[in-house]
Amino acid sequence: MVQVNGRVRGKITVARDIGEKAALVAALAEPTVAKFADGTPKKVIFVPGRLINIVV
């Protein structure tokens, strides 16, 4: 799951052992997430294998 400011904005399928930076790149490449996550993220909360939350 990909969240932007605490709200679910998309879903991506990646390897289970992906790192935080690679997950962030994959999440921002998703068009539905990119339109809500404009600008640089202030904080990124990453739970491996579960979710990434991008705070802008």
PDB file of N, CA and C in Angstrom:
ATOM      1  N   MET A   1       0.830  -1.169   0.000  1.00  0.00           N
ATOM      2  CA  MET A   1       0.000   0.000   0.000  1.00  0.00           C
ATOM      3  C   MET A   1       0.884   1.244   0.000  1.00  0.00           C
ATOM      4  N   VAL A   2       0.413   2.242  -0.698  1.00  0.00           N
ATOM      5  CA  VAL A   2       1.111   3.520  -0.720  1.00  0.00           C
ATOM      6  C   VAL A   2       0.156   4.569  -0.171  1.00  0.00           C
ATOM      7  N   GLN A   3       0.605   5.264   0.854  1.00  0.00           N
ATOM      8  CA  GLN A   3      -0.183   6.329   1.448  1.00  0.00           C
ATOM      9  C   GLN A   3       0.509   7.661   1.218  1.00  0.00           C
ATOM     10  N   VAL A   4      -0.297   8.691   1.018  1.00  0.00           N
ATOM     11  CA  VAL A   4       0.219  10.054   0.953  1.00  0.00           C
ATOM     12  C   VAL A   4      -0.536  10.839   2.010  1.00  0.00           C
ATOM     13  N   ASN A   5       0.192  11.385   2.966  1.00  0.00           N
ATOM     14  CA  ASN A   5      -0.375  12.109   4.100  1.00  0.00           C
ATOM     15  C   ASN A   5      -1.404  11.276   4.853  1.00  0.00           C
ATOM     16  N   GLY A   6      -1.141   9.973   4.988  1.00  0.00           N
ATOM     17  CA  GLY A   6      -1.994   9.103   5.782  1.00  0.00           C
ATOM     18  C   GLY A   6      -3.202   8.532   5.068  1.00  0.00           C
ATOM     19  N   ARG A   7      -3.393   8.857   3.810  1.00  0.00           N
ATOM     20  CA  ARG A   7      -4.528   8.328   3.043  1.00  0.00           C
ATOM     21  C   ARG A   7      -4.015   7.407   1.945  1.00  0.00           C
ATOM     22  N   VAL A   8      -4.677   6.278   1.788  1.00  0.00           N
ATOM     23  CA  VAL A   8      -4.270   5.315   0.769  1.00  0.00           C
ATOM     24  C   VAL A   8      -4.500   5.933  -0.607  1.00  0.00           C
ATOM     25  N   ARG A   9      -3.449   6.001  -1.402  1.00  0.00           N
ATOM     26  CA  ARG A   9      -3.517   6.601  -2.741  1.00  0.00           C
ATOM     27  C   ARG A   9      -3.150   5.627  -3.839  1.00  0.00           C
ATOM     28  N   GLY A  10      -2.636   4.457  -3.494  1.00  0.00           N
ATOM     29  CA  GLY A  10      -2.285   3.508  -4.527  1.00  0.00           C
ATOM     30  C   GLY A  10      -1.747   2.220  -3.956  1.00  0.00           C
ATOM     31  N   LYS A  11      -1.477   1.306  -4.866  1.00  0.00           N
ATOM     32  CA  LYS A  11      -0.955   0.001  -4.499  1.00  0.00           C
ATOM     33  C   LYS A  11       0.104  -0.375  -5.526  1.00  0.00           C
ATOM     34  N   ILE A  12       1.260  -0.808  -5.058  1.00  0.00           N
ATOM     35  CA  ILE A  12       2.325  -1.233  -5.948  1.00  0.00           C
ATOM     36  C   ILE A  12       2.742  -2.654  -5.573  1.00  0.00           C
ATOM     37  N   THR A  13       3.247  -3.362  -6.546  1.00  0.00           N
ATOM     38  CA  THR A  13       3.747  -4.712  -6.311  1.00  0.00           C
ATOM     39  C   THR A  13       5.252  -4.698  -6.539  1.00  0.00           C
ATOM     40  N   VAL A  14       5.977  -4.989  -5.469  1.00  0.00           N
ATOM     41  CA  VAL A  14       7.444  -5.007  -5.519  1.00  0.00           C
ATOM     42  C   VAL A  14       7.938  -6.233  -4.756  1.00  0.00           C
ATOM     43  N   ALA A  15       9.224  -6.481  -4.838  1.00  0.00           N
ATOM     44  CA  ALA A  15       9.817  -7.594  -4.102  1.00  0.00           C
ATOM     45  C   ALA A  15       9.664  -7.365  -2.601  1.00  0.00           C
ATOM     46  N   ARG A  16       9.524  -8.443  -1.866  1.00  0.00           N
ATOM     47  CA  ARG A  16       9.293  -8.343  -0.423  1.00  0.00           C
ATOM     48  C   ARG A  16      10.483  -7.735   0.329  1.00  0.00           C
ATOM     49  N   ASP A  17      11.692  -7.930  -0.191  1.00  0.00           N
ATOM     50  CA  ASP A  17      12.878  -7.449   0.504  1.00  0.00           C
ATOM     51  C   ASP A  17      13.420  -6.146  -0.096  1.00  0.00           C
ATOM     52  N   ILE A  18      12.565  -5.351  -0.692  1.00  0.00           N
ATOM     53  CA  ILE A  18      12.975  -4.085  -1.308  1.00  0.00           C
ATOM     54  C   ILE A  18      13.372  -3.086  -0.217  1.00  0.00           C
ATOM     55  N   GLY A  19      14.316  -2.228  -0.544  1.00  0.00           N
ATOM     56  CA  GLY A  19      14.760  -1.209   0.390  1.00  0.00           C
ATOM     57  C   GLY A  19      13.861   0.022   0.351  1.00  0.00           C
ATOM     58  N   GLU A  20      14.055   0.908   1.309  1.00  0.00           N
ATOM     59  CA  GLU A  20      13.208   2.102   1.426  1.00  0.00           C
ATOM     60  C   GLU A  20      13.336   3.021   0.214  1.00  0.00           C
ATOM     61  N   LYS A  21      14.555   3.261  -0.235  1.00  0.00           N
ATOM     62  CA  LYS A  21      14.750   4.177  -1.368  1.00  0.00           C
ATOM     63  C   LYS A  21      14.142   3.623  -2.650  1.00  0.00           C
ATOM     64  N   ALA A  22      14.321   2.337  -2.891  1.00  0.00           N
ATOM     65  CA  ALA A  22      13.751   1.719  -4.087  1.00  0.00           C
ATOM     66  C   ALA A  22      12.225   1.714  -4.021  1.00  0.00           C
ATOM     67  N   ALA A  23      11.677   1.501  -2.843  1.00  0.00           N
ATOM     68  CA  ALA A  23      10.217   1.529  -2.677  1.00  0.00           C
ATOM     69  C   ALA A  23       9.677   2.931  -2.907  1.00  0.00           C
ATOM     70  N   LEU A  24      10.400   3.941  -2.465  1.00  0.00           N
ATOM     71  CA  LEU A  24       9.975   5.324  -2.673  1.00  0.00           C
ATOM     72  C   LEU A  24       9.981   5.672  -4.158  1.00  0.00           C
ATOM     73  N   VAL A  25      11.009   5.242  -4.869  1.00  0.00           N
ATOM     74  CA  VAL A  25      11.080   5.487  -6.313  1.00  0.00           C
ATOM     75  C   VAL A  25       9.927   4.795  -7.028  1.00  0.00           C
ATOM     76  N   ALA A  26       9.643   3.550  -6.649  1.00  0.00           N
ATOM     77  CA  ALA A  26       8.546   2.804  -7.271  1.00  0.00           C
ATOM     78  C   ALA A  26       7.198   3.448  -6.953  1.00  0.00           C
ATOM     79  N   ALA A  27       7.036   3.938  -5.740  1.00  0.00           N
ATOM     80  CA  ALA A  27       5.771   4.570  -5.348  1.00  0.00           C
ATOM     81  C   ALA A  27       5.562   5.876  -6.104  1.00  0.00           C
ATOM     82  N   LEU A  28       6.598   6.671  -6.238  1.00  0.00           N
ATOM     83  CA  LEU A  28       6.464   7.950  -6.938  1.00  0.00           C
ATOM     84  C   LEU A  28       6.313   7.772  -8.443  1.00  0.00           C
ATOM     85  N   ALA A  29       6.679   6.605  -8.963  1.00  0.00           N
ATOM     86  CA  ALA A  29       6.508   6.320 -10.387  1.00  0.00           C
ATOM     87  C   ALA A  29       5.062   5.974 -10.722  1.00  0.00           C
ATOM     88  N   GLU A  30       4.282   5.603  -9.708  1.00  0.00           N
ATOM     89  CA  GLU A  30       2.869   5.278  -9.901  1.00  0.00           C
ATOM     90  C   GLU A  30       2.093   6.583 -10.155  1.00  0.00           C
ATOM     91  N   PRO A  31       1.385   6.693 -11.285  1.00  0.00           N
ATOM     92  CA  PRO A  31       0.705   7.948 -11.634  1.00  0.00           C
ATOM     93  C   PRO A  31      -0.328   8.414 -10.611  1.00  0.00           C
ATOM     94  N   THR A  32      -1.052   7.493  -9.997  1.00  0.00           N
ATOM     95  CA  THR A  32      -2.077   7.905  -9.037  1.00  0.00           C
ATOM     96  C   THR A  32      -1.465   8.458  -7.760  1.00  0.00           C
ATOM     97  N   VAL A  33      -0.263   8.015  -7.437  1.00  0.00           N
ATOM     98  CA  VAL A  33       0.427   8.508  -6.245  1.00  0.00           C
ATOM     99  C   VAL A  33       1.135   9.816  -6.556  1.00  0.00           C
ATOM    100  N   ALA A  34       1.716   9.911  -7.742  1.00  0.00           N
ATOM    101  CA  ALA A  34       2.520  11.078  -8.103  1.00  0.00           C
ATOM    102  C   ALA A  34       1.709  12.370  -8.102  1.00  0.00           C
ATOM    103  N   LYS A  35       0.439  12.309  -8.473  1.00  0.00           N
ATOM    104  CA  LYS A  35      -0.345  13.542  -8.512  1.00  0.00           C
ATOM    105  C   LYS A  35      -0.645  14.083  -7.118  1.00  0.00           C
ATOM    106  N   PHE A  36      -0.602  13.231  -6.085  1.00  0.00           N
ATOM    107  CA  PHE A  36      -0.833  13.691  -4.717  1.00  0.00           C
ATOM    108  C   PHE A  36       0.468  14.015  -3.991  1.00  0.00           C
ATOM    109  N   ALA A  37       1.580  13.446  -4.438  1.00  0.00           N
ATOM    110  CA  ALA A  37       2.868  13.612  -3.767  1.00  0.00           C
ATOM    111  C   ALA A  37       3.766  14.555  -4.552  1.00  0.00           C
ATOM    112  N   ASP A  38       3.272  15.731  -4.890  1.00  0.00           N
ATOM    113  CA  ASP A  38       4.095  16.686  -5.622  1.00  0.00           C
ATOM    114  C   ASP A  38       5.036  17.403  -4.662  1.00  0.00           C
ATOM    115  N   GLY A  39       6.232  17.642  -5.097  1.00  0.00           N
ATOM    116  CA  GLY A  39       7.244  18.276  -4.252  1.00  0.00           C
ATOM    117  C   GLY A  39       8.100  17.229  -3.568  1.00  0.00           C
ATOM    118  N   THR A  40       8.982  17.694  -2.709  1.00  0.00           N
ATOM    119  CA  THR A  40       9.860  16.769  -1.999  1.00  0.00           C
ATOM    120  C   THR A  40       9.186  16.303  -0.705  1.00  0.00           C
ATOM    121  N   PRO A  41       9.296  15.031  -0.395  1.00  0.00           N
ATOM    122  CA  PRO A  41       8.690  14.515   0.836  1.00  0.00           C
ATOM    123  C   PRO A  41       9.397  15.055   2.074  1.00  0.00           C
ATOM    124  N   LYS A  42       8.608  15.434   3.078  1.00  0.00           N
ATOM    125  CA  LYS A  42       9.179  15.881   4.350  1.00  0.00           C
ATOM    126  C   LYS A  42       9.593  14.691   5.196  1.00  0.00           C
ATOM    127  N   LYS A  43       8.807  13.614   5.088  1.00  0.00           N
ATOM    128  CA  LYS A  43       9.071  12.423   5.878  1.00  0.00           C
ATOM    129  C   LYS A  43       8.546  11.214   5.119  1.00  0.00           C
ATOM    130  N   VAL A  44       9.245  10.103   5.245  1.00  0.00           N
ATOM    131  CA  VAL A  44       8.812   8.852   4.622  1.00  0.00           C
ATOM    132  C   VAL A  44       8.785   7.786   5.714  1.00  0.00           C
ATOM    133  N   ILE A  45       7.630   7.168   5.880  1.00  0.00           N
ATOM    134  CA  ILE A  45       7.473   6.080   6.844  1.00  0.00           C
ATOM    135  C   ILE A  45       7.383   4.795   6.034  1.00  0.00           C
ATOM    136  N   PHE A  46       8.337   3.905   6.266  1.00  0.00           N
ATOM    137  CA  PHE A  46       8.432   2.678   5.489  1.00  0.00           C
ATOM    138  C   PHE A  46       8.339   1.481   6.415  1.00  0.00           C
ATOM    139  N   VAL A  47       7.359   0.624   6.180  1.00  0.00           N
ATOM    140  CA  VAL A  47       7.216  -0.624   6.912  1.00  0.00           C
ATOM    141  C   VAL A  47       7.474  -1.736   5.898  1.00  0.00           C
ATOM    142  N   PRO A  48       8.618  -2.419   5.999  1.00  0.00           N
ATOM    143  CA  PRO A  48       8.980  -3.421   4.997  1.00  0.00           C
ATOM    144  C   PRO A  48       7.899  -4.489   4.813  1.00  0.00           C
ATOM    145  N   GLY A  49       7.573  -4.736   3.559  1.00  0.00           N
ATOM    146  CA  GLY A  49       6.591  -5.750   3.231  1.00  0.00           C
ATOM    147  C   GLY A  49       5.150  -5.341   3.427  1.00  0.00           C
ATOM    148  N   ARG A  50       4.907  -4.100   3.874  1.00  0.00           N
ATOM    149  CA  ARG A  50       3.542  -3.689   4.167  1.00  0.00           C
ATOM    150  C   ARG A  50       3.145  -2.388   3.487  1.00  0.00           C
ATOM    151  N   LEU A  51       3.800  -1.287   3.839  1.00  0.00           N
ATOM    152  CA  LEU A  51       3.355  -0.001   3.311  1.00  0.00           C
ATOM    153  C   LEU A  51       4.481   1.015   3.302  1.00  0.00           C
ATOM    154  N   ILE A  52       4.213   2.076   2.561  1.00  0.00           N
ATOM    155  CA  ILE A  52       5.081   3.254   2.556  1.00  0.00           C
ATOM    156  C   ILE A  52       4.154   4.459   2.635  1.00  0.00           C
ATOM    157  N   ASN A  53       4.438   5.355   3.570  1.00  0.00           N
ATOM    158  CA  ASN A  53       3.640   6.556   3.760  1.00  0.00           C
ATOM    159  C   ASN A  53       4.529   7.755   3.463  1.00  0.00           C
ATOM    160  N   ILE A  54       4.099   8.580   2.539  1.00  0.00           N
ATOM    161  CA  ILE A  54       4.873   9.746   2.126  1.00  0.00           C
ATOM    162  C   ILE A  54       4.176  10.978   2.678  1.00  0.00           C
ATOM    163  N   VAL A  55       4.881  11.750   3.481  1.00  0.00           N
ATOM    164  CA  VAL A  55       4.334  12.973   4.055  1.00  0.00           C
ATOM    165  C   VAL A  55       4.915  14.148   3.293  1.00  0.00           C
ATOM    166  N   VAL A  56       4.037  14.945   2.670  1.00  0.00           N
ATOM    167  CA  VAL A  56       4.486  16.126   1.925  1.00  0.00           C
ATOM    168  C   VAL A  56       3.995  17.393   2.566  1.00  0.00           C
TER     169      VAL A  56
END
